[in-house]
Amino acid sequence: MRKSIVFAVNLIVLLGVSLLGVAFAQSSLVGVKAGDWIQYQVTETGNPASEYNITWARMNIINVQGEVITVNVVTAFGNGTLFPENSIHLNLATGAIGDGFFVPLNLTVGDQYRTEYEGVINMTGTKQIEAGGAQRTVLIGVTNESTYNWDRQTGIMVAATSNLPGCVMYTTTNQTNLWAPQTSSPQPQIFGINQTTFYALIIGVIAVVAVLVVASVLFIRRRKKPVS
């Protein structure tokens, strides 16, 4: 009977570890959370068409669910027009990253990342740049049209140079709440819960279930014990 109890407890712990592994794998692609925001400064050289004559843009992250990031974006044009776009759903697993706004955190030099808009992006190197008031380590990605820099800790785009019809567009992150003032990077969310909190809840549930199983087995064993 004692071996059965040990086996049951070990099985529950193994199941819990497996669930934690799955949860980590599902959340390891995303480095932002609801409430984060990024503001971009945009300049152009040449003769940009009206749709490219952008001066700044701001992105507010309103929800993160697995690899899906929902954002609101406001774009400012050279003529003073503001163009809001709400509830844009980006998906790091499918490559739906808009204008290169995010990349998965697990990418490294030599990887290729297939996107819906830019096609295949080749990850060519890393470097240190200043972005949003801090020195950041970035991953460099190159396409036929653009060169991107993504922050290694959060996955957000911090700089991009794009060769567009009639102009070259330069985009840089000039403000964000992700690392100013010099804070640690936010943890990804799982089902809307902070990653650390989620793991703690899972471990707590596993511990409670293990205790209940052991108590039940001992209770049943005691009831079946013959009375002398």
Protein backbone atom coordinates (compact mmCIF):
# COMPACT_ATOMS: atom_id res chain seq x y z
CA MET A 1 0.00 0.00 0.00
CA ARG A 2 2.83 2.36 0.84
CA LYS A 3 4.30 1.82 -2.65
CA SER A 4 0.94 2.69 -4.18
CA ILE A 5 0.84 5.95 -2.27
CA VAL A 6 4.35 6.88 -3.40
CA PHE A 7 3.46 5.98 -6.98
CA ALA A 8 0.33 8.17 -6.88
CA VAL A 9 2.22 11.15 -5.52
CA ASN A 10 5.01 10.76 -8.08
CA LEU A 11 2.45 10.54 -10.88
CA ILE A 12 0.76 13.75 -9.77
CA VAL A 13 4.08 15.60 -9.52
CA LEU A 14 5.12 14.35 -12.96
CA LEU A 15 1.84 15.57 -14.41
CA GLY A 16 2.31 18.95 -12.80
CA VAL A 17 5.84 19.29 -14.18
CA SER A 18 4.53 18.41 -17.65
CA LEU A 19 1.84 21.09 -17.38
CA LEU A 20 4.43 23.64 -16.34
CA GLY A 21 6.55 22.71 -19.35
CA VAL A 22 3.61 23.18 -21.69
CA ALA A 23 2.71 26.52 -20.11
CA PHE A 24 6.28 27.77 -20.44
CA ALA A 25 6.47 26.66 -24.08
CA GLN A 26 3.23 28.49 -24.86
CA SER A 27 4.34 31.74 -23.24
CA SER A 28 8.03 31.85 -24.19
CA LEU A 29 7.40 33.65 -27.49
CA VAL A 30 5.92 36.86 -26.05
CA GLY A 31 7.76 39.45 -23.98
CA VAL A 32 5.06 42.08 -23.43
CA LYS A 33 1.86 42.34 -21.42
CA ALA A 34 -1.38 44.31 -21.39
CA GLY A 35 -0.72 47.92 -20.41
CA ASP A 36 2.66 48.18 -22.12
CA TRP A 37 3.12 50.85 -24.77
CA ILE A 38 5.67 51.87 -27.38
CA GLN A 39 5.98 55.20 -29.18
CA TYR A 40 7.85 55.52 -32.47
CA GLN A 41 9.45 58.48 -34.18
CA VAL A 42 9.34 58.26 -37.99
CA THR A 43 11.28 60.23 -40.60
CA GLU A 44 11.62 59.89 -44.36
CA THR A 45 14.07 60.94 -47.02
CA GLY A 46 13.12 61.44 -50.66
CA ASN A 47 9.56 62.09 -51.77
CA PRO A 48 7.23 59.92 -49.70
CA ALA A 49 3.72 59.21 -50.93
CA SER A 50 0.97 60.42 -48.61
CA GLU A 51 0.54 56.98 -47.00
CA TYR A 52 4.24 56.94 -46.08
CA ASN A 53 4.46 60.55 -44.83
CA ILE A 54 4.33 59.52 -41.16
CA THR A 55 5.80 61.52 -38.29
CA TRP A 56 5.10 59.31 -35.27
CA ALA A 57 3.04 56.37 -34.08
CA ARG A 58 2.04 54.96 -30.71
CA MET A 59 1.08 51.38 -29.89
CA ASN A 60 -0.84 50.37 -26.76
CA ILE A 61 -0.98 46.68 -25.88
CA ILE A 62 -4.46 45.89 -24.61
CA ASN A 63 -4.35 42.11 -24.32
CA VAL A 64 -1.98 39.15 -24.54
CA GLN A 65 -3.36 35.65 -24.92
CA GLY A 66 -0.77 32.99 -25.69
CA GLU A 67 1.03 34.15 -28.85
CA VAL A 68 -1.74 36.61 -29.81
CA ILE A 69 -1.10 40.27 -28.97
CA THR A 70 -3.97 42.72 -29.34
CA VAL A 71 -2.97 46.34 -29.84
CA ASN A 72 -4.38 49.80 -30.52
CA VAL A 73 -2.26 51.97 -32.83
CA VAL A 74 -2.43 55.70 -33.53
CA THR A 75 -0.46 56.97 -36.54
CA ALA A 76 0.31 60.67 -37.12
CA PHE A 77 0.86 61.95 -40.67
CA GLY A 78 2.77 64.97 -41.88
CA ASN A 79 -0.41 66.94 -42.55
CA GLY A 80 -1.46 66.59 -38.90
CA THR A 81 -3.99 63.81 -39.45
CA LEU A 82 -4.27 61.15 -36.74
CA PHE A 83 -5.30 57.69 -37.86
CA PRO A 84 -6.41 55.34 -35.04
CA GLU A 85 -6.63 51.56 -35.53
CA ASN A 86 -8.15 49.58 -32.67
CA SER A 87 -8.07 45.91 -31.68
CA ILE A 88 -5.43 44.78 -34.15
CA HIS A 89 -4.67 41.11 -33.53
CA LEU A 90 -1.04 40.13 -34.05
CA ASN A 91 0.07 36.51 -33.85
CA LEU A 92 3.71 35.60 -33.32
CA ALA A 93 3.06 31.93 -34.04
CA THR A 94 1.71 32.62 -37.54
CA GLY A 95 3.95 35.56 -38.45
CA ALA A 96 1.13 38.12 -38.40
CA ILE A 97 3.32 40.90 -36.96
CA GLY A 98 2.03 43.92 -38.89
CA ASP A 99 4.88 46.21 -39.92
CA GLY A 100 7.42 44.16 -37.99
CA PHE A 101 6.13 45.25 -34.58
CA PHE A 102 7.19 42.08 -32.69
CA VAL A 103 9.14 38.87 -33.12
CA PRO A 104 9.20 35.72 -30.94
CA LEU A 105 11.75 35.77 -28.13
CA ASN A 106 13.21 32.40 -29.12
CA LEU A 107 14.69 33.62 -32.41
CA THR A 108 18.46 33.80 -32.74
CA VAL A 109 21.13 34.62 -35.31
CA GLY A 110 20.83 32.34 -38.35
CA ASP A 111 17.09 31.76 -37.96
CA GLN A 112 14.52 32.52 -40.63
CA TYR A 113 11.12 33.81 -39.57
CA ARG A 114 8.26 33.64 -42.05
CA THR A 115 5.82 36.53 -41.81
CA GLU A 116 2.55 37.34 -43.54
CA TYR A 117 3.57 40.79 -44.77
CA GLU A 118 7.37 40.83 -45.16
CA GLY A 119 7.82 37.21 -46.20
CA VAL A 120 10.91 35.50 -44.81
CA ILE A 121 13.04 37.58 -42.44
CA ASN A 122 16.66 36.45 -42.03
CA MET A 123 18.19 37.00 -38.59
CA THR A 124 21.73 38.18 -39.32
CA GLY A 125 23.27 39.44 -36.09
CA THR A 126 23.04 41.32 -32.81
CA LYS A 127 24.29 44.68 -31.57
CA GLN A 128 23.86 47.34 -28.90
CA ILE A 129 21.82 50.46 -29.71
CA GLU A 130 20.14 53.29 -27.80
CA ALA A 131 16.35 53.04 -27.82
CA GLY A 132 13.73 54.63 -25.59
CA GLY A 133 16.37 56.21 -23.39
CA ALA A 134 18.37 53.04 -22.68
CA GLN A 135 21.05 50.86 -24.21
CA ARG A 136 19.45 47.69 -25.57
CA THR A 137 20.74 44.49 -27.14
CA VAL A 138 18.90 43.92 -30.40
CA LEU A 139 18.42 41.13 -32.92
CA ILE A 140 18.91 42.27 -36.52
CA GLY A 141 16.51 40.99 -39.20
CA VAL A 142 16.79 41.64 -42.93
CA THR A 143 14.33 41.39 -45.85
CA ASN A 144 14.56 42.62 -49.43
CA GLU A 145 12.90 45.87 -48.37
CA SER A 146 13.72 46.46 -44.70
CA THR A 147 16.29 46.06 -41.95
CA TYR A 148 14.82 45.64 -38.46
CA ASN A 149 16.19 45.79 -34.93
CA TRP A 150 14.18 43.96 -32.24
CA ASP A 151 14.87 44.16 -28.52
CA ARG A 152 16.14 40.76 -27.35
CA GLN A 153 14.36 40.86 -23.97
CA THR A 154 10.91 42.01 -25.05
CA GLY A 155 10.77 41.25 -28.79
CA ILE A 156 9.54 44.74 -29.72
CA MET A 157 10.83 46.59 -32.77
CA VAL A 158 13.13 49.42 -31.68
CA ALA A 159 14.45 50.51 -35.09
CA ALA A 160 13.74 49.87 -38.76
CA THR A 161 14.93 51.18 -42.12
CA SER A 162 12.60 50.51 -45.06
CA ASN A 163 13.17 51.24 -48.75
CA LEU A 164 9.74 52.29 -49.99
CA PRO A 165 8.57 53.70 -53.33
CA GLY A 166 10.05 57.19 -53.60
CA CYS A 167 11.56 57.31 -50.12
CA VAL A 168 13.46 55.64 -47.31
CA MET A 169 11.61 55.42 -43.98
CA TYR A 170 13.44 55.41 -40.63
CA THR A 171 11.53 54.26 -37.56
CA THR A 172 12.90 54.35 -34.00
CA THR A 173 11.45 53.68 -30.57
CA ASN A 174 11.79 56.96 -28.68
CA GLN A 175 9.57 56.19 -25.67
CA THR A 176 8.25 53.09 -23.93
CA ASN A 177 7.28 51.95 -20.45
CA LEU A 178 9.02 48.60 -20.90
CA TRP A 179 12.41 49.61 -19.56
CA ALA A 180 12.18 53.21 -18.37
CA PRO A 181 13.42 53.87 -15.81
CA GLN A 182 15.81 50.91 -16.26
CA THR A 183 13.44 48.27 -14.96
CA SER A 184 13.58 44.56 -15.60
CA SER A 185 11.67 43.26 -18.60
CA PRO A 186 8.03 42.33 -17.97
CA GLN A 187 7.16 38.71 -17.73
CA PRO A 188 4.82 37.23 -20.31
CA GLN A 189 1.25 36.47 -19.32
CA ILE A 190 -0.48 33.10 -19.44
CA PHE A 191 -4.26 33.25 -19.75
CA GLY A 192 -4.06 36.88 -18.59
CA ILE A 193 -2.06 35.99 -15.44
CA ASN A 194 1.54 37.01 -14.72
CA GLN A 195 3.84 34.09 -15.55
CA THR A 196 5.32 33.78 -12.04
CA THR A 197 1.87 33.90 -10.44
CA PHE A 198 0.57 31.29 -12.87
CA TYR A 199 3.41 28.88 -12.05
CA ALA A 200 2.89 29.41 -8.33
CA LEU A 201 -0.82 28.60 -8.70
CA ILE A 202 -0.04 25.42 -10.65
CA ILE A 203 2.46 24.25 -8.03
CA GLY A 204 -0.02 25.04 -5.26
CA VAL A 205 -2.79 23.06 -6.97
CA ILE A 206 -0.43 20.11 -7.46
CA ALA A 207 0.59 20.17 -3.81
CA VAL A 208 -3.03 20.30 -2.60
CA VAL A 209 -4.08 17.44 -4.89
CA ALA A 210 -1.11 15.34 -3.75
CA VAL A 211 -2.02 15.87 -0.10
CA LEU A 212 -5.67 15.00 -0.74
CA VAL A 213 -4.73 11.80 -2.57
CA VAL A 214 -2.41 10.68 0.21
CA ALA A 215 -5.00 11.51 2.86
CA SER A 216 -7.72 9.63 0.96
CA VAL A 217 -5.57 6.54 0.55
CA LEU A 218 -4.62 6.55 4.22
CA PHE A 219 -8.26 7.01 5.24
CA ILE A 220 -9.40 4.12 3.05
CA ARG A 221 -6.58 1.93 4.32
CA ARG A 222 -7.49 2.72 7.94
CA ARG A 223 -11.17 1.90 7.36
CA LYS A 224 -10.30 -1.45 5.81
CA LYS A 225 -8.00 -2.40 8.69
CA PRO A 226 -9.63 -5.29 10.64
CA VAL A 227 -10.70 -4.58 14.17
CA SER A 228 -8.86 -6.80 16.69
